[in-house]
Amino acid sequence: MNTEWIKVVIAAFFEVFWVIGLKHADNLWAWIGTMIAIIISFYLMIMAGKKLPVGTVYAVFVGLGTAGTVFSDFVFFGEPFQIAKVFLILVLLAGVIGLKLVTKDTDKEGVES
């Protein structure tokens, strides 16, 4: 995994925080933290998209962010654990991993997707 894919994973990590922030922020500091997470998340995703296929970057970003958000709902916010939901998230992650595996990495800037 090269540094561009690491940027996508970190961007997805911050996506989880801003999604949680959009739902649960109730004061100025929480909103500021949410805004910072949005900026970091999108900045890293855009930078990775300059050297990797944009469609695959976005799919990986959203897939990992969705899985992280659902996991945090189970662990931190008391969302009821449902086998069907976990199975569908695993199917989503399998698709994202499959996309990553079949996508060629390019180091040229401005490569068409």
N, C-alpha and C. Protein backbone atom coordinates (compact mmCIF):
# COMPACT_ATOMS: atom_id res chain seq x y z
N MET A 1 0.86 -1.18 0.00
CA MET A 1 0.00 0.00 0.00
C MET A 1 0.90 1.23 0.00
N ASN A 2 0.68 2.10 -0.96
CA ASN A 2 1.52 3.29 -1.04
C ASN A 2 0.91 4.45 -0.23
N THR A 3 1.61 5.55 -0.20
CA THR A 3 1.19 6.68 0.63
C THR A 3 -0.15 7.27 0.20
N GLU A 4 -0.48 7.16 -1.09
CA GLU A 4 -1.76 7.72 -1.55
C GLU A 4 -2.92 6.92 -0.96
N TRP A 5 -2.80 5.60 -0.88
CA TRP A 5 -3.87 4.80 -0.28
C TRP A 5 -3.93 5.02 1.23
N ILE A 6 -2.79 5.28 1.85
CA ILE A 6 -2.80 5.59 3.28
C ILE A 6 -3.57 6.89 3.51
N LYS A 7 -3.42 7.87 2.61
CA LYS A 7 -4.19 9.11 2.70
C LYS A 7 -5.69 8.81 2.64
N VAL A 8 -6.09 7.88 1.78
CA VAL A 8 -7.51 7.54 1.66
C VAL A 8 -8.02 6.92 2.96
N VAL A 9 -7.24 6.04 3.56
CA VAL A 9 -7.64 5.39 4.82
C VAL A 9 -7.74 6.43 5.93
N ILE A 10 -6.79 7.34 6.02
CA ILE A 10 -6.84 8.39 7.04
C ILE A 10 -8.03 9.32 6.79
N ALA A 11 -8.30 9.63 5.52
CA ALA A 11 -9.46 10.46 5.18
C ALA A 11 -10.75 9.78 5.64
N ALA A 12 -10.85 8.47 5.43
CA ALA A 12 -12.04 7.73 5.86
C ALA A 12 -12.16 7.73 7.38
N PHE A 13 -11.01 7.65 8.07
CA PHE A 13 -11.02 7.72 9.54
C PHE A 13 -11.62 9.04 10.01
N PHE A 14 -11.19 10.15 9.39
CA PHE A 14 -11.74 11.45 9.75
C PHE A 14 -13.19 11.60 9.30
N GLU A 15 -13.57 10.88 8.25
CA GLU A 15 -14.98 10.91 7.83
C GLU A 15 -15.89 10.41 8.94
N VAL A 16 -15.46 9.37 9.63
CA VAL A 16 -16.26 8.84 10.73
C VAL A 16 -16.51 9.93 11.77
N PHE A 17 -15.48 10.70 12.09
CA PHE A 17 -15.63 11.76 13.09
C PHE A 17 -16.57 12.87 12.64
N TRP A 18 -16.47 13.26 11.35
CA TRP A 18 -17.36 14.35 10.95
C TRP A 18 -18.80 13.88 10.78
N VAL A 19 -19.00 12.63 10.42
CA VAL A 19 -20.37 12.12 10.35
C VAL A 19 -20.98 12.07 11.75
N ILE A 20 -20.21 11.60 12.70
CA ILE A 20 -20.68 11.59 14.10
C ILE A 20 -20.93 13.02 14.56
N GLY A 21 -20.02 13.93 14.21
CA GLY A 21 -20.17 15.33 14.60
C GLY A 21 -21.43 15.96 14.03
N LEU A 22 -21.75 15.65 12.77
CA LEU A 22 -22.97 16.22 12.19
C LEU A 22 -24.22 15.79 12.94
N LYS A 23 -24.19 14.60 13.50
CA LYS A 23 -25.36 14.11 14.23
C LYS A 23 -25.37 14.56 15.69
N HIS A 24 -24.21 14.61 16.31
CA HIS A 24 -24.17 14.80 17.77
C HIS A 24 -23.61 16.13 18.25
N ALA A 25 -23.08 16.97 17.37
CA ALA A 25 -22.51 18.24 17.81
C ALA A 25 -23.61 19.13 18.38
N ASP A 26 -23.33 19.66 19.58
CA ASP A 26 -24.34 20.50 20.24
C ASP A 26 -23.76 21.77 20.85
N ASN A 27 -22.49 22.03 20.58
CA ASN A 27 -21.89 23.28 21.05
C ASN A 27 -20.85 23.75 20.05
N LEU A 28 -20.33 24.92 20.26
CA LEU A 28 -19.39 25.52 19.31
C LEU A 28 -18.15 24.66 19.10
N TRP A 29 -17.57 24.13 20.17
CA TRP A 29 -16.33 23.36 20.04
C TRP A 29 -16.57 22.07 19.27
N ALA A 30 -17.71 21.43 19.48
CA ALA A 30 -18.03 20.22 18.73
C ALA A 30 -18.18 20.54 17.25
N TRP A 31 -18.81 21.68 16.94
CA TRP A 31 -18.96 22.08 15.53
C TRP A 31 -17.62 22.45 14.91
N ILE A 32 -16.75 23.07 15.67
CA ILE A 32 -15.42 23.39 15.16
C ILE A 32 -14.65 22.10 14.88
N GLY A 33 -14.72 21.15 15.79
CA GLY A 33 -14.07 19.85 15.58
C GLY A 33 -14.62 19.14 14.36
N THR A 34 -15.93 19.22 14.17
CA THR A 34 -16.56 18.62 13.00
C THR A 34 -16.05 19.27 11.72
N MET A 35 -15.95 20.59 11.71
CA MET A 35 -15.45 21.30 10.53
C MET A 35 -14.00 20.94 10.23
N ILE A 36 -13.18 20.82 11.27
CA ILE A 36 -11.79 20.44 11.08
C ILE A 36 -11.70 19.03 10.49
N ALA A 37 -12.53 18.11 11.00
CA ALA A 37 -12.54 16.74 10.47
C ALA A 37 -12.97 16.72 9.00
N ILE A 38 -13.94 17.55 8.64
CA ILE A 38 -14.39 17.63 7.24
C ILE A 38 -13.25 18.12 6.36
N ILE A 39 -12.58 19.16 6.80
CA ILE A 39 -11.48 19.74 6.01
C ILE A 39 -10.35 18.72 5.82
N ILE A 40 -9.93 18.08 6.89
CA ILE A 40 -8.85 17.09 6.80
C ILE A 40 -9.27 15.93 5.90
N SER A 41 -10.48 15.44 6.11
CA SER A 41 -10.97 14.29 5.35
C SER A 41 -10.99 14.58 3.85
N PHE A 42 -11.61 15.68 3.47
CA PHE A 42 -11.72 15.99 2.05
C PHE A 42 -10.38 16.39 1.44
N TYR A 43 -9.54 17.08 2.20
CA TYR A 43 -8.22 17.44 1.69
C TYR A 43 -7.42 16.18 1.32
N LEU A 44 -7.39 15.21 2.25
CA LEU A 44 -6.64 13.99 1.99
C LEU A 44 -7.22 13.20 0.83
N MET A 45 -8.56 13.15 0.75
CA MET A 45 -9.19 12.42 -0.35
C MET A 45 -8.88 13.09 -1.69
N ILE A 46 -8.93 14.40 -1.74
CA ILE A 46 -8.65 15.13 -2.98
C ILE A 46 -7.18 14.96 -3.38
N MET A 47 -6.28 15.01 -2.42
CA MET A 47 -4.85 14.83 -2.73
C MET A 47 -4.59 13.42 -3.27
N ALA A 48 -5.23 12.41 -2.68
CA ALA A 48 -5.06 11.04 -3.17
C ALA A 48 -5.66 10.89 -4.56
N GLY A 49 -6.77 11.58 -4.80
CA GLY A 49 -7.45 11.51 -6.10
C GLY A 49 -6.65 12.12 -7.23
N LYS A 50 -5.65 12.92 -6.91
CA LYS A 50 -4.80 13.50 -7.95
C LYS A 50 -3.86 12.46 -8.56
N LYS A 51 -3.58 11.40 -7.81
CA LYS A 51 -2.63 10.38 -8.30
C LYS A 51 -3.26 9.01 -8.46
N LEU A 52 -4.45 8.82 -7.94
CA LEU A 52 -5.15 7.54 -8.05
C LEU A 52 -6.47 7.75 -8.80
N PRO A 53 -7.06 6.69 -9.33
CA PRO A 53 -8.35 6.82 -10.00
C PRO A 53 -9.42 7.35 -9.04
N VAL A 54 -10.05 8.43 -9.41
CA VAL A 54 -10.97 9.14 -8.53
C VAL A 54 -12.15 8.26 -8.11
N GLY A 55 -12.71 7.51 -9.04
CA GLY A 55 -13.86 6.66 -8.72
C GLY A 55 -13.53 5.63 -7.66
N THR A 56 -12.36 5.01 -7.77
CA THR A 56 -11.94 4.01 -6.79
C THR A 56 -11.63 4.67 -5.46
N VAL A 57 -10.98 5.82 -5.49
CA VAL A 57 -10.68 6.55 -4.25
C VAL A 57 -11.98 6.86 -3.50
N TYR A 58 -12.96 7.36 -4.24
CA TYR A 58 -14.22 7.72 -3.60
C TYR A 58 -14.93 6.48 -3.05
N ALA A 59 -14.93 5.38 -3.81
CA ALA A 59 -15.59 4.16 -3.34
C ALA A 59 -14.93 3.62 -2.07
N VAL A 60 -13.61 3.63 -2.03
CA VAL A 60 -12.89 3.16 -0.84
C VAL A 60 -13.15 4.10 0.33
N PHE A 61 -13.09 5.39 0.08
CA PHE A 61 -13.35 6.40 1.12
C PHE A 61 -14.74 6.20 1.74
N VAL A 62 -15.75 6.10 0.90
CA VAL A 62 -17.12 5.97 1.40
C VAL A 62 -17.33 4.61 2.06
N GLY A 63 -16.79 3.56 1.48
CA GLY A 63 -16.96 2.22 2.06
C GLY A 63 -16.35 2.12 3.44
N LEU A 64 -15.11 2.57 3.58
CA LEU A 64 -14.46 2.54 4.89
C LEU A 64 -15.14 3.47 5.88
N GLY A 65 -15.55 4.64 5.41
CA GLY A 65 -16.25 5.58 6.29
C GLY A 65 -17.58 5.02 6.78
N THR A 66 -18.30 4.36 5.89
CA THR A 66 -19.58 3.75 6.27
C THR A 66 -19.37 2.65 7.30
N ALA A 67 -18.40 1.78 7.05
CA ALA A 67 -18.12 0.71 7.99
C ALA A 67 -17.71 1.27 9.36
N GLY A 68 -16.86 2.29 9.35
CA GLY A 68 -16.43 2.90 10.61
C GLY A 68 -17.57 3.56 11.36
N THR A 69 -18.46 4.20 10.63
CA THR A 69 -19.60 4.87 11.25
C THR A 69 -20.56 3.85 11.87
N VAL A 70 -20.84 2.78 11.16
CA VAL A 70 -21.72 1.73 11.70
C VAL A 70 -21.08 1.08 12.92
N PHE A 71 -19.78 0.80 12.85
CA PHE A 71 -19.07 0.22 13.98
C PHE A 71 -19.12 1.15 15.19
N SER A 72 -18.91 2.44 14.98
CA SER A 72 -18.95 3.38 16.11
C SER A 72 -20.36 3.49 16.68
N ASP A 73 -21.39 3.37 15.84
CA ASP A 73 -22.76 3.36 16.34
C ASP A 73 -22.98 2.19 17.29
N PHE A 74 -22.46 1.02 16.92
CA PHE A 74 -22.60 -0.16 17.78
C PHE A 74 -21.85 0.03 19.09
N VAL A 75 -20.61 0.49 19.01
CA VAL A 75 -19.73 0.53 20.17
C VAL A 75 -20.02 1.71 21.10
N PHE A 76 -20.22 2.91 20.53
CA PHE A 76 -20.29 4.11 21.35
C PHE A 76 -21.69 4.66 21.57
N PHE A 77 -22.63 4.36 20.69
CA PHE A 77 -23.93 5.01 20.78
C PHE A 77 -25.10 4.06 21.01
N GLY A 78 -24.81 2.81 21.36
CA GLY A 78 -25.85 1.88 21.77
C GLY A 78 -26.78 1.42 20.66
N GLU A 79 -26.37 1.53 19.41
CA GLU A 79 -27.17 1.02 18.29
C GLU A 79 -27.29 -0.50 18.45
N PRO A 80 -28.49 -1.04 18.29
CA PRO A 80 -28.63 -2.49 18.43
C PRO A 80 -27.83 -3.24 17.36
N PHE A 81 -27.13 -4.26 17.79
CA PHE A 81 -26.31 -5.08 16.89
C PHE A 81 -27.23 -5.96 16.05
N GLN A 82 -27.08 -5.88 14.73
CA GLN A 82 -27.90 -6.69 13.83
C GLN A 82 -26.97 -7.45 12.89
N ILE A 83 -27.16 -8.75 12.85
CA ILE A 83 -26.33 -9.60 11.99
C ILE A 83 -26.47 -9.18 10.52
N ALA A 84 -27.68 -8.87 10.08
CA ALA A 84 -27.90 -8.49 8.68
C ALA A 84 -27.10 -7.23 8.34
N LYS A 85 -27.09 -6.26 9.25
CA LYS A 85 -26.35 -5.02 9.00
C LYS A 85 -24.86 -5.28 8.91
N VAL A 86 -24.34 -6.11 9.80
CA VAL A 86 -22.91 -6.45 9.78
C VAL A 86 -22.57 -7.21 8.51
N PHE A 87 -23.43 -8.14 8.11
CA PHE A 87 -23.19 -8.90 6.88
C PHE A 87 -23.14 -7.98 5.67
N LEU A 88 -24.07 -7.04 5.58
CA LEU A 88 -24.09 -6.12 4.45
C LEU A 88 -22.89 -5.19 4.44
N ILE A 89 -22.43 -4.76 5.59
CA ILE A 89 -21.21 -3.96 5.67
C ILE A 89 -20.01 -4.78 5.21
N LEU A 90 -19.96 -6.05 5.59
CA LEU A 90 -18.87 -6.92 5.13
C LEU A 90 -18.90 -7.10 3.61
N VAL A 91 -20.10 -7.21 3.04
CA VAL A 91 -20.23 -7.30 1.58
C VAL A 91 -19.72 -6.01 0.95
N LEU A 92 -20.08 -4.87 1.53
CA LEU A 92 -19.60 -3.57 1.04
C LEU A 92 -18.08 -3.51 1.09
N LEU A 93 -17.50 -3.91 2.21
CA LEU A 93 -16.04 -3.89 2.34
C LEU A 93 -15.37 -4.85 1.36
N ALA A 94 -15.98 -6.01 1.11
CA ALA A 94 -15.43 -6.94 0.13
C ALA A 94 -15.40 -6.29 -1.25
N GLY A 95 -16.45 -5.55 -1.59
CA GLY A 95 -16.48 -4.85 -2.87
C GLY A 95 -15.42 -3.77 -2.95
N VAL A 96 -15.23 -3.04 -1.87
CA VAL A 96 -14.22 -1.98 -1.83
C VAL A 96 -12.82 -2.58 -1.96
N ILE A 97 -12.57 -3.66 -1.24
CA ILE A 97 -11.27 -4.33 -1.33
C ILE A 97 -11.06 -4.87 -2.75
N GLY A 98 -12.10 -5.44 -3.33
CA GLY A 98 -12.02 -5.92 -4.71
C GLY A 98 -11.68 -4.81 -5.68
N LEU A 99 -12.33 -3.65 -5.53
CA LEU A 99 -12.01 -2.50 -6.38
C LEU A 99 -10.55 -2.10 -6.24
N LYS A 100 -10.08 -2.06 -5.02
CA LYS A 100 -8.69 -1.68 -4.77
C LYS A 100 -7.74 -2.67 -5.43
N LEU A 101 -8.06 -3.95 -5.37
CA LEU A 101 -7.17 -4.97 -5.91
C LEU A 101 -7.11 -4.95 -7.44
N VAL A 102 -8.19 -4.58 -8.08
CA VAL A 102 -8.19 -4.60 -9.55
C VAL A 102 -7.84 -3.25 -10.17
N THR A 103 -7.62 -2.24 -9.35
CA THR A 103 -7.28 -0.91 -9.86
C THR A 103 -5.78 -0.74 -9.87
N LYS A 104 -5.26 -0.32 -11.02
CA LYS A 104 -3.83 -0.07 -11.14
C LYS A 104 -3.50 1.26 -10.49
N ASP A 105 -2.43 1.27 -9.70
CA ASP A 105 -1.93 2.52 -9.13
C ASP A 105 -1.09 3.23 -10.18
N THR A 106 -1.28 4.53 -10.28
CA THR A 106 -0.46 5.32 -11.19
C THR A 106 0.15 6.46 -10.40
N ASP A 107 1.35 6.82 -10.77
CA ASP A 107 2.03 7.92 -10.08
C ASP A 107 2.04 9.19 -10.91
N LYS A 108 1.33 9.20 -12.02
CA LYS A 108 1.26 10.41 -12.84
C LYS A 108 0.18 11.32 -12.32
N GLU A 109 0.50 12.59 -12.24
CA GLU A 109 -0.48 13.56 -11.79
C GLU A 109 -1.45 13.85 -12.93
N GLY A 110 -2.74 13.95 -12.61
CA GLY A 110 -3.73 14.31 -13.60
C GLY A 110 -4.14 13.16 -14.50
N VAL A 111 -3.93 11.92 -14.07
CA VAL A 111 -4.29 10.76 -14.88
C VAL A 111 -5.81 10.66 -14.95
N GLU A 112 -6.32 10.41 -16.13
CA GLU A 112 -7.77 10.26 -16.32
C GLU A 112 -8.21 8.95 -15.67
N SER A 113 -9.39 8.96 -15.05
CA SER A 113 -9.90 7.76 -14.41
C SER A 113 -10.56 6.86 -15.42
